[in-house]
Amino acid sequence: MTEASFPVPTQHFAAVLEGEHTEFLITGYDNRVMVMVTQLGRVGTVLQAKCESSPGSSGESYTVSSLLGRRDEPLLEICARRMMELLTDSGCRRPLLLTLGLKNHSMGTMKSIIVLVLKHPVW
C-alpha cells in the first residue's frame, strides 16, 4: 500500500539533526496524532501527551506520561509537552503519541524535532 492510498493522513520524511540522519513518520488518526522519530532504526521511548481543560479554568493543563522506555530523561518529556502545546495552539485537540529513538538527547535536537513536525501537519 502506498502513502497516497493509505486512508490515514501520513507524512514520512528524513532530516539531518546535529549530524545524525533522522527519520520522521507522522500520522493523524481520528483519536490521536502519532509522531515517530528515530535515529536508531527503532521506536525508542514512547510518550503520551494530552491537553485537558478544566471547567471554570482559564487555561489548559498538559500531562505527559512515559509509556515505554526511558523515564529518567526529562528532555524527552519536555519535547512531548512542548509539541502538544504547539499542536493545541494550531487547533489540534487530539492526544499525542510520540516515539523518540535518539542518539542525542540535546535541547537543540528536541527543538529541531518540534519545528520539523509542525512543518508537516496531518491534523
PDB file of N, CA and C in Angstrom:
ATOM      1  N   MET A   1       0.841  -1.172   0.000  1.00  0.00           N
ATOM      2  CA  MET A   1       0.000   0.000   0.000  1.00  0.00           C
ATOM      3  C   MET A   1       0.892   1.242   0.000  1.00  0.00           C
ATOM      4  N   THR A   2       0.609   2.171  -0.872  1.00  0.00           N
ATOM      5  CA  THR A   2       1.403   3.393  -0.943  1.00  0.00           C
ATOM      6  C   THR A   2       0.853   4.431   0.022  1.00  0.00           C
ATOM      7  N   GLU A   3       1.680   5.435   0.314  1.00  0.00           N
ATOM      8  CA  GLU A   3       1.225   6.508   1.198  1.00  0.00           C
ATOM      9  C   GLU A   3       0.003   7.200   0.628  1.00  0.00           C
ATOM     10  N   ALA A   4      -0.045   7.368  -0.702  1.00  0.00           N
ATOM     11  CA  ALA A   4      -1.164   8.061  -1.330  1.00  0.00           C
ATOM     12  C   ALA A   4      -2.478   7.311  -1.134  1.00  0.00           C
ATOM     13  N   SER A   5      -2.431   5.984  -1.059  1.00  0.00           N
ATOM     14  CA  SER A   5      -3.665   5.220  -0.906  1.00  0.00           C
ATOM     15  C   SER A   5      -3.970   4.876   0.548  1.00  0.00           C
ATOM     16  N   PHE A   6      -3.077   5.195   1.454  1.00  0.00           N
ATOM     17  CA  PHE A   6      -3.303   4.913   2.873  1.00  0.00           C
ATOM     18  C   PHE A   6      -4.409   5.835   3.376  1.00  0.00           C
ATOM     19  N   PRO A   7      -5.435   5.306   4.035  1.00  0.00           N
ATOM     20  CA  PRO A   7      -6.598   6.132   4.387  1.00  0.00           C
ATOM     21  C   PRO A   7      -6.372   7.118   5.536  1.00  0.00           C
ATOM     22  N   VAL A   8      -5.246   7.061   6.199  1.00  0.00           N
ATOM     23  CA  VAL A   8      -4.965   7.969   7.311  1.00  0.00           C
ATOM     24  C   VAL A   8      -3.893   8.959   6.852  1.00  0.00           C
ATOM     25  N   PRO A   9      -4.096  10.273   7.066  1.00  0.00           N
ATOM     26  CA  PRO A   9      -3.087  11.248   6.636  1.00  0.00           C
ATOM     27  C   PRO A   9      -1.731  10.951   7.283  1.00  0.00           C
ATOM     28  N   THR A  10      -0.714  10.866   6.434  1.00  0.00           N
ATOM     29  CA  THR A  10       0.621  10.488   6.899  1.00  0.00           C
ATOM     30  C   THR A  10       1.678  11.318   6.190  1.00  0.00           C
ATOM     31  N   GLN A  11       2.702  11.710   6.938  1.00  0.00           N
ATOM     32  CA  GLN A  11       3.882  12.366   6.374  1.00  0.00           C
ATOM     33  C   GLN A  11       5.101  11.538   6.770  1.00  0.00           C
ATOM     34  N   HIS A  12       5.942  11.222   5.790  1.00  0.00           N
ATOM     35  CA  HIS A  12       7.185  10.499   6.054  1.00  0.00           C
ATOM     36  C   HIS A  12       8.309  11.297   5.421  1.00  0.00           C
ATOM     37  N   PHE A  13       9.332  11.612   6.208  1.00  0.00           N
ATOM     38  CA  PHE A  13      10.458  12.381   5.681  1.00  0.00           C
ATOM     39  C   PHE A  13      11.678  12.139   6.559  1.00  0.00           C
ATOM     40  N   ALA A  14      12.806  12.630   6.103  1.00  0.00           N
ATOM     41  CA  ALA A  14      14.056  12.491   6.851  1.00  0.00           C
ATOM     42  C   ALA A  14      14.759  13.845   6.888  1.00  0.00           C
ATOM     43  N   ALA A  15      15.597  14.018   7.892  1.00  0.00           N
ATOM     44  CA  ALA A  15      16.394  15.232   8.041  1.00  0.00           C
ATOM     45  C   ALA A  15      17.678  14.857   8.770  1.00  0.00           C
ATOM     46  N   VAL A  16      18.657  15.735   8.694  1.00  0.00           N
ATOM     47  CA  VAL A  16      19.891  15.547   9.453  1.00  0.00           C
ATOM     48  C   VAL A  16      19.854  16.528  10.620  1.00  0.00           C
ATOM     49  N   LEU A  17      19.857  15.981  11.840  1.00  0.00           N
ATOM     50  CA  LEU A  17      19.818  16.798  13.052  1.00  0.00           C
ATOM     51  C   LEU A  17      21.117  16.618  13.816  1.00  0.00           C
ATOM     52  N   GLU A  18      21.868  17.696  13.945  1.00  0.00           N
ATOM     53  CA  GLU A  18      23.155  17.674  14.639  1.00  0.00           C
ATOM     54  C   GLU A  18      24.040  16.532  14.135  1.00  0.00           C
ATOM     55  N   GLY A  19      24.064  16.373  12.800  1.00  0.00           N
ATOM     56  CA  GLY A  19      24.920  15.378  12.165  1.00  0.00           C
ATOM     57  C   GLY A  19      24.363  13.969  12.114  1.00  0.00           C
ATOM     58  N   GLU A  20      23.147  13.743  12.612  1.00  0.00           N
ATOM     59  CA  GLU A  20      22.551  12.402  12.641  1.00  0.00           C
ATOM     60  C   GLU A  20      21.360  12.317  11.690  1.00  0.00           C
ATOM     61  N   HIS A  21      21.367  11.298  10.820  1.00  0.00           N
ATOM     62  CA  HIS A  21      20.219  11.040   9.955  1.00  0.00           C
ATOM     63  C   HIS A  21      19.022  10.693  10.843  1.00  0.00           C
ATOM     64  N   THR A  22      17.908  11.361  10.608  1.00  0.00           N
ATOM     65  CA  THR A  22      16.728  11.209  11.463  1.00  0.00           C
ATOM     66  C   THR A  22      15.500  10.982  10.598  1.00  0.00           C
ATOM     67  N   GLU A  23      14.779   9.904  10.865  1.00  0.00           N
ATOM     68  CA  GLU A  23      13.549   9.562  10.139  1.00  0.00           C
ATOM     69  C   GLU A  23      12.335  10.022  10.938  1.00  0.00           C
ATOM     70  N   PHE A  24      11.338  10.548  10.222  1.00  0.00           N
ATOM     71  CA  PHE A  24      10.089  11.014  10.821  1.00  0.00           C
ATOM     72  C   PHE A  24       8.918  10.315  10.149  1.00  0.00           C
ATOM     73  N   LEU A  25       7.954   9.894  10.936  1.00  0.00           N
ATOM     74  CA  LEU A  25       6.690   9.377  10.432  1.00  0.00           C
ATOM     75  C   LEU A  25       5.603   9.998  11.301  1.00  0.00           C
ATOM     76  N   ILE A  26       4.740  10.793  10.673  1.00  0.00           N
ATOM     77  CA  ILE A  26       3.679  11.499  11.392  1.00  0.00           C
ATOM     78  C   ILE A  26       2.351  11.032  10.820  1.00  0.00           C
ATOM     79  N   THR A  27       1.465  10.553  11.683  1.00  0.00           N
ATOM     80  CA  THR A  27       0.185  10.008  11.242  1.00  0.00           C
ATOM     81  C   THR A  27      -0.937  10.637  12.054  1.00  0.00           C
ATOM     82  N   GLY A  28      -1.973  11.096  11.355  1.00  0.00           N
ATOM     83  CA  GLY A  28      -3.107  11.745  12.008  1.00  0.00           C
ATOM     84  C   GLY A  28      -4.313  10.832  12.087  1.00  0.00           C
ATOM     85  N   TYR A  29      -4.363  10.009  13.119  1.00  0.00           N
ATOM     86  CA  TYR A  29      -5.524   9.148  13.342  1.00  0.00           C
ATOM     87  C   TYR A  29      -6.688   9.986  13.868  1.00  0.00           C
ATOM     88  N   ASP A  30      -7.900   9.435  13.816  1.00  0.00           N
ATOM     89  CA  ASP A  30      -9.071  10.153  14.317  1.00  0.00           C
ATOM     90  C   ASP A  30      -8.973  10.458  15.804  1.00  0.00           C
ATOM     91  N   ASN A  31      -8.351   9.557  16.571  1.00  0.00           N
ATOM     92  CA  ASN A  31      -8.341   9.717  18.020  1.00  0.00           C
ATOM     93  C   ASN A  31      -7.010  10.200  18.596  1.00  0.00           C
ATOM     94  N   ARG A  32      -5.988  10.372  17.765  1.00  0.00           N
ATOM     95  CA  ARG A  32      -4.706  10.883  18.247  1.00  0.00           C
ATOM     96  C   ARG A  32      -3.778  11.167  17.070  1.00  0.00           C
ATOM     97  N   VAL A  33      -2.728  11.910  17.346  1.00  0.00           N
ATOM     98  CA  VAL A  33      -1.653  12.140  16.379  1.00  0.00           C
ATOM     99  C   VAL A  33      -0.464  11.319  16.851  1.00  0.00           C
ATOM    100  N   MET A  34       0.107  10.522  15.942  1.00  0.00           N
ATOM    101  CA  MET A  34       1.280   9.730  16.287  1.00  0.00           C
ATOM    102  C   MET A  34       2.489  10.295  15.544  1.00  0.00           C
ATOM    103  N   VAL A  35       3.536  10.577  16.300  1.00  0.00           N
ATOM    104  CA  VAL A  35       4.786  11.086  15.734  1.00  0.00           C
ATOM    105  C   VAL A  35       5.889  10.113  16.123  1.00  0.00           C
ATOM    106  N   MET A  36       6.527   9.531  15.115  1.00  0.00           N
ATOM    107  CA  MET A  36       7.648   8.617  15.350  1.00  0.00           C
ATOM    108  C   MET A  36       8.904   9.278  14.801  1.00  0.00           C
ATOM    109  N   VAL A  37       9.926   9.382  15.649  1.00  0.00           N
ATOM    110  CA  VAL A  37      11.194   9.989  15.261  1.00  0.00           C
ATOM    111  C   VAL A  37      12.296   9.023  15.678  1.00  0.00           C
ATOM    112  N   THR A  38      13.172   8.672  14.725  1.00  0.00           N
ATOM    113  CA  THR A  38      14.242   7.738  15.082  1.00  0.00           C
ATOM    114  C   THR A  38      15.549   8.062  14.372  1.00  0.00           C
ATOM    115  N   GLN A  39      16.617   7.920  15.120  1.00  0.00           N
ATOM    116  CA  GLN A  39      17.980   7.945  14.590  1.00  0.00           C
ATOM    117  C   GLN A  39      18.598   6.561  14.735  1.00  0.00           C
ATOM    118  N   LEU A  40      17.848   5.649  15.348  1.00  0.00           N
ATOM    119  CA  LEU A  40      18.359   4.321  15.692  1.00  0.00           C
ATOM    120  C   LEU A  40      17.732   3.198  14.877  1.00  0.00           C
ATOM    121  N   GLY A  41      16.707   3.511  14.077  1.00  0.00           N
ATOM    122  CA  GLY A  41      16.016   2.480  13.318  1.00  0.00           C
ATOM    123  C   GLY A  41      15.041   1.673  14.158  1.00  0.00           C
ATOM    124  N   ARG A  42      14.712   2.175  15.345  1.00  0.00           N
ATOM    125  CA  ARG A  42      13.727   1.518  16.205  1.00  0.00           C
ATOM    126  C   ARG A  42      12.934   2.586  16.961  1.00  0.00           C
ATOM    127  N   VAL A  43      11.894   2.138  17.638  1.00  0.00           N
ATOM    128  CA  VAL A  43      10.944   3.060  18.252  1.00  0.00           C
ATOM    129  C   VAL A  43      11.554   3.894  19.371  1.00  0.00           C
ATOM    130  N   GLY A  44      12.245   3.297  20.298  1.00  0.00           N
ATOM    131  CA  GLY A  44      12.799   4.040  21.425  1.00  0.00           C
ATOM    132  C   GLY A  44      11.762   4.270  22.509  1.00  0.00           C
ATOM    133  N   THR A  45      11.804   5.427  23.138  1.00  0.00           N
ATOM    134  CA  THR A  45      10.890   5.765  24.228  1.00  0.00           C
ATOM    135  C   THR A  45       9.537   6.178  23.659  1.00  0.00           C
ATOM    136  N   VAL A  46       8.463   5.690  24.281  1.00  0.00           N
ATOM    137  CA  VAL A  46       7.101   6.009  23.855  1.00  0.00           C
ATOM    138  C   VAL A  46       6.465   6.892  24.924  1.00  0.00           C
ATOM    139  N   LEU A  47       6.010   8.075  24.496  1.00  0.00           N
ATOM    140  CA  LEU A  47       5.382   9.033  25.409  1.00  0.00           C
ATOM    141  C   LEU A  47       3.989   9.389  24.915  1.00  0.00           C
ATOM    142  N   GLN A  48       3.131   9.737  25.850  1.00  0.00           N
ATOM    143  CA  GLN A  48       1.804  10.224  25.508  1.00  0.00           C
ATOM    144  C   GLN A  48       1.628  11.590  26.151  1.00  0.00           C
ATOM    145  N   ALA A  49       1.090  12.532  25.377  1.00  0.00           N
ATOM    146  CA  ALA A  49       0.815  13.873  25.899  1.00  0.00           C
ATOM    147  C   ALA A  49      -0.635  14.223  25.600  1.00  0.00           C
ATOM    148  N   LYS A  50      -1.272  14.865  26.577  1.00  0.00           N
ATOM    149  CA  LYS A  50      -2.675  15.259  26.438  1.00  0.00           C
ATOM    150  C   LYS A  50      -2.853  16.691  26.911  1.00  0.00           C
ATOM    151  N   CYS A  51      -3.827  17.356  26.312  1.00  0.00           N
ATOM    152  CA  CYS A  51      -4.246  18.680  26.750  1.00  0.00           C
ATOM    153  C   CYS A  51      -5.626  18.528  27.365  1.00  0.00           C
ATOM    154  N   GLU A  52      -5.781  19.038  28.568  1.00  0.00           N
ATOM    155  CA  GLU A  52      -7.069  18.940  29.254  1.00  0.00           C
ATOM    156  C   GLU A  52      -7.486  20.327  29.721  1.00  0.00           C
ATOM    157  N   SER A  53      -8.751  20.628  29.521  1.00  0.00           N
ATOM    158  CA  SER A  53      -9.314  21.883  30.014  1.00  0.00           C
ATOM    159  C   SER A  53     -10.233  21.568  31.176  1.00  0.00           C
ATOM    160  N   SER A  54     -10.041  22.266  32.268  1.00  0.00           N
ATOM    161  CA  SER A  54     -10.894  22.076  33.442  1.00  0.00           C
ATOM    162  C   SER A  54     -12.033  23.084  33.406  1.00  0.00           C
ATOM    163  N   PRO A  55     -13.252  22.656  33.757  1.00  0.00           N
ATOM    164  CA  PRO A  55     -14.367  23.611  33.824  1.00  0.00           C
ATOM    165  C   PRO A  55     -14.037  24.735  34.809  1.00  0.00           C
ATOM    166  N   GLY A  56     -14.282  25.953  34.388  1.00  0.00           N
ATOM    167  CA  GLY A  56     -14.002  27.094  35.248  1.00  0.00           C
ATOM    168  C   GLY A  56     -12.558  27.554  35.216  1.00  0.00           C
ATOM    169  N   SER A  57     -11.707  26.828  34.517  1.00  0.00           N
ATOM    170  CA  SER A  57     -10.291  27.183  34.424  1.00  0.00           C
ATOM    171  C   SER A  57     -10.076  28.065  33.205  1.00  0.00           C
ATOM    172  N   SER A  58      -9.136  28.981  33.296  1.00  0.00           N
ATOM    173  CA  SER A  58      -8.881  29.897  32.185  1.00  0.00           C
ATOM    174  C   SER A  58      -7.901  29.342  31.162  1.00  0.00           C
ATOM    175  N   GLY A  59      -7.199  28.270  31.480  1.00  0.00           N
ATOM    176  CA  GLY A  59      -6.208  27.746  30.545  1.00  0.00           C
ATOM    177  C   GLY A  59      -6.234  26.242  30.451  1.00  0.00           C
ATOM    178  N   GLU A  60      -5.309  25.731  29.684  1.00  0.00           N
ATOM    179  CA  GLU A  60      -5.195  24.293  29.509  1.00  0.00           C
ATOM    180  C   GLU A  60      -4.170  23.715  30.473  1.00  0.00           C
ATOM    181  N   SER A  61      -4.323  22.438  30.716  1.00  0.00           N
ATOM    182  CA  SER A  61      -3.378  21.679  31.523  1.00  0.00           C
ATOM    183  C   SER A  61      -2.831  20.568  30.638  1.00  0.00           C
ATOM    184  N   TYR A  62      -1.535  20.343  30.700  1.00  0.00           N
ATOM    185  CA  TYR A  62      -0.903  19.322  29.866  1.00  0.00           C
ATOM    186  C   TYR A  62      -0.340  18.217  30.745  1.00  0.00           C
ATOM    187  N   THR A  63      -0.572  16.985  30.326  1.00  0.00           N
ATOM    188  CA  THR A  63       0.009  15.848  31.036  1.00  0.00           C
ATOM    189  C   THR A  63       0.841  15.034  30.061  1.00  0.00           C
ATOM    190  N   VAL A  64       1.982  14.580  30.534  1.00  0.00           N
ATOM    191  CA  VAL A  64       2.873  13.743  29.733  1.00  0.00           C
ATOM    192  C   VAL A  64       3.171  12.487  30.534  1.00  0.00           C
ATOM    193  N   SER A  65       3.063  11.346  29.870  1.00  0.00           N
ATOM    194  CA  SER A  65       3.352  10.059  30.505  1.00  0.00           C
ATOM    195  C   SER A  65       4.345   9.290  29.652  1.00  0.00           C
ATOM    196  N   SER A  66       5.333   8.693  30.287  1.00  0.00           N
ATOM    197  CA  SER A  66       6.233   7.761  29.600  1.00  0.00           C
ATOM    198  C   SER A  66       5.567   6.395  29.633  1.00  0.00           C
ATOM    199  N   LEU A  67       5.203   5.873  28.468  1.00  0.00           N
ATOM    200  CA  LEU A  67       4.519   4.584  28.400  1.00  0.00           C
ATOM    201  C   LEU A  67       5.497   3.422  28.337  1.00  0.00           C
ATOM    202  N   LEU A  68       6.565   3.586  27.569  1.00  0.00           N
ATOM    203  CA  LEU A  68       7.592   2.552  27.412  1.00  0.00           C
ATOM    204  C   LEU A  68       8.948   3.225  27.284  1.00  0.00           C
ATOM    205  N   GLY A  69       9.971   2.587  27.798  1.00  0.00           N
ATOM    206  CA  GLY A  69      11.327   3.091  27.608  1.00  0.00           C
ATOM    207  C   GLY A  69      11.805   3.967  28.750  1.00  0.00           C
ATOM    208  N   ARG A  70      12.676   4.921  28.413  1.00  0.00           N
ATOM    209  CA  ARG A  70      13.362   5.751  29.411  1.00  0.00           C
ATOM    210  C   ARG A  70      12.396   6.629  30.188  1.00  0.00           C
ATOM    211  N   ARG A  71      12.578   6.631  31.479  1.00  0.00           N
ATOM    212  CA  ARG A  71      11.795   7.502  32.360  1.00  0.00           C
ATOM    213  C   ARG A  71      12.712   8.470  33.100  1.00  0.00           C
ATOM    214  N   ASP A  72      14.002   8.415  32.785  1.00  0.00           N
ATOM    215  CA  ASP A  72      14.986   9.226  33.503  1.00  0.00           C
ATOM    216  C   ASP A  72      15.540  10.361  32.650  1.00  0.00           C
ATOM    217  N   GLU A  73      14.867  10.698  31.560  1.00  0.00           N
ATOM    218  CA  GLU A  73      15.365  11.732  30.654  1.00  0.00           C
ATOM    219  C   GLU A  73      14.314  12.840  30.521  1.00  0.00           C
ATOM    220  N   PRO A  74      14.439  13.913  31.318  1.00  0.00           N
ATOM    221  CA  PRO A  74      13.418  14.965  31.307  1.00  0.00           C
ATOM    222  C   PRO A  74      13.261  15.665  29.958  1.00  0.00           C
ATOM    223  N   LEU A  75      14.317  15.727  29.142  1.00  0.00           N
ATOM    224  CA  LEU A  75      14.191  16.406  27.851  1.00  0.00           C
ATOM    225  C   LEU A  75      13.183  15.722  26.938  1.00  0.00           C
ATOM    226  N   LEU A  76      13.025  14.411  27.050  1.00  0.00           N
ATOM    227  CA  LEU A  76      12.039  13.711  26.232  1.00  0.00           C
ATOM    228  C   LEU A  76      10.633  14.159  26.612  1.00  0.00           C
ATOM    229  N   GLU A  77      10.374  14.287  27.904  1.00  0.00           N
ATOM    230  CA  GLU A  77       9.059  14.741  28.356  1.00  0.00           C
ATOM    231  C   GLU A  77       8.834  16.212  28.017  1.00  0.00           C
ATOM    232  N   ILE A  78       9.877  17.019  28.107  1.00  0.00           N
ATOM    233  CA  ILE A  78       9.768  18.431  27.728  1.00  0.00           C
ATOM    234  C   ILE A  78       9.418  18.539  26.250  1.00  0.00           C
ATOM    235  N   CYS A  79      10.049  17.735  25.419  1.00  0.00           N
ATOM    236  CA  CYS A  79       9.769  17.731  23.986  1.00  0.00           C
ATOM    237  C   CYS A  79       8.305  17.376  23.732  1.00  0.00           C
ATOM    238  N   ALA A  80       7.805  16.331  24.389  1.00  0.00           N
ATOM    239  CA  ALA A  80       6.413  15.904  24.206  1.00  0.00           C
ATOM    240  C   ALA A  80       5.445  16.997  24.652  1.00  0.00           C
ATOM    241  N   ARG A  81       5.726  17.611  25.789  1.00  0.00           N
ATOM    242  CA  ARG A  81       4.831  18.658  26.297  1.00  0.00           C
ATOM    243  C   ARG A  81       4.808  19.862  25.362  1.00  0.00           C
ATOM    244  N   ARG A  82       5.979  20.313  24.941  1.00  0.00           N
ATOM    245  CA  ARG A  82       6.039  21.492  24.064  1.00  0.00           C
ATOM    246  C   ARG A  82       5.371  21.203  22.725  1.00  0.00           C
ATOM    247  N   MET A  83       5.586  20.000  22.187  1.00  0.00           N
ATOM    248  CA  MET A  83       4.943  19.634  20.933  1.00  0.00           C
ATOM    249  C   MET A  83       3.423  19.641  21.109  1.00  0.00           C
ATOM    250  N   MET A  84       2.929  19.117  22.225  1.00  0.00           N
ATOM    251  CA  MET A  84       1.488  19.099  22.490  1.00  0.00           C
ATOM    252  C   MET A  84       0.945  20.513  22.615  1.00  0.00           C
ATOM    253  N   GLU A  85       1.678  21.398  23.292  1.00  0.00           N
ATOM    254  CA  GLU A  85       1.253  22.797  23.418  1.00  0.00           C
ATOM    255  C   GLU A  85       1.094  23.434  22.044  1.00  0.00           C
ATOM    256  N   LEU A  86       2.068  23.222  21.171  1.00  0.00           N
ATOM    257  CA  LEU A  86       2.030  23.838  19.849  1.00  0.00           C
ATOM    258  C   LEU A  86       0.987  23.189  18.950  1.00  0.00           C
ATOM    259  N   LEU A  87       0.764  21.887  19.092  1.00  0.00           N
ATOM    260  CA  LEU A  87      -0.325  21.236  18.350  1.00  0.00           C
ATOM    261  C   LEU A  87      -1.663  21.837  18.773  1.00  0.00           C
ATOM    262  N   THR A  88      -1.846  22.021  20.075  1.00  0.00           N
ATOM    263  CA  THR A  88      -3.082  22.616  20.589  1.00  0.00           C
ATOM    264  C   THR A  88      -3.247  24.035  20.053  1.00  0.00           C
ATOM    265  N   ASP A  89      -2.174  24.814  20.062  1.00  0.00           N
ATOM    266  CA  ASP A  89      -2.219  26.185  19.541  1.00  0.00           C
ATOM    267  C   ASP A  89      -2.592  26.219  18.065  1.00  0.00           C
ATOM    268  N   SER A  90      -2.241  25.159  17.321  1.00  0.00           N
ATOM    269  CA  SER A  90      -2.554  25.116  15.890  1.00  0.00           C
ATOM    270  C   SER A  90      -3.942  24.529  15.622  1.00  0.00           C
ATOM    271  N   GLY A  91      -4.693  24.230  16.685  1.00  0.00           N
ATOM    272  CA  GLY A  91      -6.065  23.764  16.516  1.00  0.00           C
ATOM    273  C   GLY A  91      -6.281  22.280  16.700  1.00  0.00           C
ATOM    274  N   CYS A  92      -5.240  21.530  16.966  1.00  0.00           N
ATOM    275  CA  CYS A  92      -5.368  20.082  17.161  1.00  0.00           C
ATOM    276  C   CYS A  92      -5.736  19.800  18.612  1.00  0.00           C
ATOM    277  N   ARG A  93      -6.831  19.088  18.831  1.00  0.00           N
ATOM    278  CA  ARG A  93      -7.266  18.752  20.189  1.00  0.00           C
ATOM    279  C   ARG A  93      -7.069  17.273  20.502  1.00  0.00           C
ATOM    280  N   ARG A  94      -6.427  16.534  19.606  1.00  0.00           N
ATOM    281  CA  ARG A  94      -6.204  15.103  19.823  1.00  0.00           C
ATOM    282  C   ARG A  94      -4.955  14.882  20.673  1.00  0.00           C
ATOM    283  N   PRO A  95      -4.926  13.813  21.481  1.00  0.00           N
ATOM    284  CA  PRO A  95      -3.712  13.475  22.223  1.00  0.00           C
ATOM    285  C   PRO A  95      -2.559  13.147  21.268  1.00  0.00           C
ATOM    286  N   LEU A  96      -1.363  13.233  21.787  1.00  0.00           N
ATOM    287  CA  LEU A  96      -0.144  12.951  21.031  1.00  0.00           C
ATOM    288  C   LEU A  96       0.487  11.663  21.539  1.00  0.00           C
ATOM    289  N   LEU A  97       0.815  10.775  20.618  1.00  0.00           N
ATOM    290  CA  LEU A  97       1.632   9.601  20.922  1.00  0.00           C
ATOM    291  C   LEU A  97       2.961   9.842  20.226  1.00  0.00           C
ATOM    292  N   LEU A  98       4.026   9.986  20.993  1.00  0.00           N
ATOM    293  CA  LEU A  98       5.341  10.361  20.475  1.00  0.00           C
ATOM    294  C   LEU A  98       6.343   9.270  20.786  1.00  0.00           C
ATOM    295  N   THR A  99       7.062   8.817  19.762  1.00  0.00           N
ATOM    296  CA  THR A  99       8.148   7.862  19.985  1.00  0.00           C
ATOM    297  C   THR A  99       9.454   8.536  19.592  1.00  0.00           C
ATOM    298  N   LEU A 100      10.455   8.415  20.449  1.00  0.00           N
ATOM    299  CA  LEU A 100      11.753   9.047  20.222  1.00  0.00           C
ATOM    300  C   LEU A 100      12.865   8.021  20.398  1.00  0.00           C
ATOM    301  N   GLY A 101      13.485   7.626  19.297  1.00  0.00           N
ATOM    302  CA  GLY A 101      14.644   6.748  19.315  1.00  0.00           C
ATOM    303  C   GLY A 101      15.853   7.559  18.879  1.00  0.00           C
ATOM    304  N   LEU A 102      16.470   8.238  19.828  1.00  0.00           N
ATOM    305  CA  LEU A 102      17.504   9.225  19.511  1.00  0.00           C
ATOM    306  C   LEU A 102      18.864   8.852  20.075  1.00  0.00           C
ATOM    307  N   LYS A 103      19.911   9.192  19.310  1.00  0.00           N
ATOM    308  CA  LYS A 103      21.278   9.052  19.804  1.00  0.00           C
ATOM    309  C   LYS A 103      21.637  10.233  20.699  1.00  0.00           C
ATOM    310  N   ASN A 104      21.112  11.409  20.343  1.00  0.00           N
ATOM    311  CA  ASN A 104      21.462  12.647  21.035  1.00  0.00           C
ATOM    312  C   ASN A 104      20.209  13.255  21.642  1.00  0.00           C
ATOM    313  N   HIS A 105      20.179  13.403  22.950  1.00  0.00           N
ATOM    314  CA  HIS A 105      19.027  13.987  23.637  1.00  0.00           C
ATOM    315  C   HIS A 105      19.279  15.445  24.000  1.00  0.00           C
ATOM    316  N   SER A 106      19.840  16.223  23.092  1.00  0.00           N
ATOM    317  CA  SER A 106      20.142  17.625  23.394  1.00  0.00           C
ATOM    318  C   SER A 106      18.917  18.506  23.169  1.00  0.00           C
ATOM    319  N   MET A 107      18.937  19.685  23.787  1.00  0.00           N
ATOM    320  CA  MET A 107      17.857  20.648  23.600  1.00  0.00           C
ATOM    321  C   MET A 107      17.764  21.066  22.133  1.00  0.00           C
ATOM    322  N   GLY A 108      18.900  21.196  21.459  1.00  0.00           N
ATOM    323  CA  GLY A 108      18.893  21.556  20.041  1.00  0.00           C
ATOM    324  C   GLY A 108      18.186  20.520  19.188  1.00  0.00           C
ATOM    325  N   THR A 109      18.436  19.244  19.465  1.00  0.00           N
ATOM    326  CA  THR A 109      17.758  18.172  18.738  1.00  0.00           C
ATOM    327  C   THR A 109      16.260  18.233  18.993  1.00  0.00           C
ATOM    328  N   MET A 110      15.852  18.424  20.241  1.00  0.00           N
ATOM    329  CA  MET A 110      14.424  18.477  20.582  1.00  0.00           C
ATOM    330  C   MET A 110      13.736  19.639  19.880  1.00  0.00           C
ATOM    331  N   LYS A 111      14.370  20.809  19.875  1.00  0.00           N
ATOM    332  CA  LYS A 111      13.789  21.976  19.200  1.00  0.00           C
ATOM    333  C   LYS A 111      13.641  21.721  17.706  1.00  0.00           C
ATOM    334  N   SER A 112      14.655  21.115  17.094  1.00  0.00           N
ATOM    335  CA  SER A 112      14.592  20.816  15.662  1.00  0.00           C
ATOM    336  C   SER A 112      13.471  19.837  15.348  1.00  0.00           C
ATOM    337  N   ILE A 113      13.295  18.833  16.196  1.00  0.00           N
ATOM    338  CA  ILE A 113      12.213  17.861  16.003  1.00  0.00           C
ATOM    339  C   ILE A 113      10.866  18.573  16.018  1.00  0.00           C
ATOM    340  N   ILE A 114      10.647  19.426  16.992  1.00  0.00           N
ATOM    341  CA  ILE A 114       9.369  20.135  17.108  1.00  0.00           C
ATOM    342  C   ILE A 114       9.116  20.999  15.881  1.00  0.00           C
ATOM    343  N   VAL A 115      10.120  21.751  15.442  1.00  0.00           N
ATOM    344  CA  VAL A 115       9.975  22.614  14.269  1.00  0.00           C
ATOM    345  C   VAL A 115       9.609  21.786  13.038  1.00  0.00           C
ATOM    346  N   LEU A 116      10.302  20.674  12.832  1.00  0.00           N
ATOM    347  CA  LEU A 116      10.042  19.848  11.650  1.00  0.00           C
ATOM    348  C   LEU A 116       8.663  19.198  11.696  1.00  0.00           C
ATOM    349  N   VAL A 117       8.239  18.745  12.843  1.00  0.00           N
ATOM    350  CA  VAL A 117       6.902  18.146  12.953  1.00  0.00           C
ATOM    351  C   VAL A 117       5.834  19.185  12.623  1.00  0.00           C
ATOM    352  N   LEU A 118       5.974  20.389  13.133  1.00  0.00           N
ATOM    353  CA  LEU A 118       4.975  21.428  12.879  1.00  0.00           C
ATOM    354  C   LEU A 118       4.945  21.865  11.418  1.00  0.00           C
ATOM    355  N   LYS A 119       6.024  21.653  10.685  1.00  0.00           N
ATOM    356  CA  LYS A 119       6.055  21.972   9.251  1.00  0.00           C
ATOM    357  C   LYS A 119       5.368  20.906   8.402  1.00  0.00           C
ATOM    358  N   HIS A 120       4.992  19.777   9.002  1.00  0.00           N
ATOM    359  CA  HIS A 120       4.374  18.662   8.273  1.00  0.00           C
ATOM    360  C   HIS A 120       3.069  18.240   8.949  1.00  0.00           C
ATOM    361  N   PRO A 121       2.074  19.137   9.003  1.00  0.00           N
ATOM    362  CA  PRO A 121       0.844  18.819   9.740  1.00  0.00           C
ATOM    363  C   PRO A 121       0.007  17.733   9.062  1.00  0.00           C
ATOM    364  N   VAL A 122      -0.564  16.876   9.891  1.00  0.00           N
ATOM    365  CA  VAL A 122      -1.522  15.860   9.419  1.00  0.00           C
ATOM    366  C   VAL A 122      -2.814  15.971  10.231  1.00  0.00           C
ATOM    367  N   TRP A 123      -2.943  16.991  11.042  1.00  0.00           N
ATOM    368  CA  TRP A 123      -4.103  17.159  11.919  1.00  0.00           C
ATOM    369  C   TRP A 123      -5.055  18.190  11.370  1.00  0.00           C
TER     370      TRP A 123
END
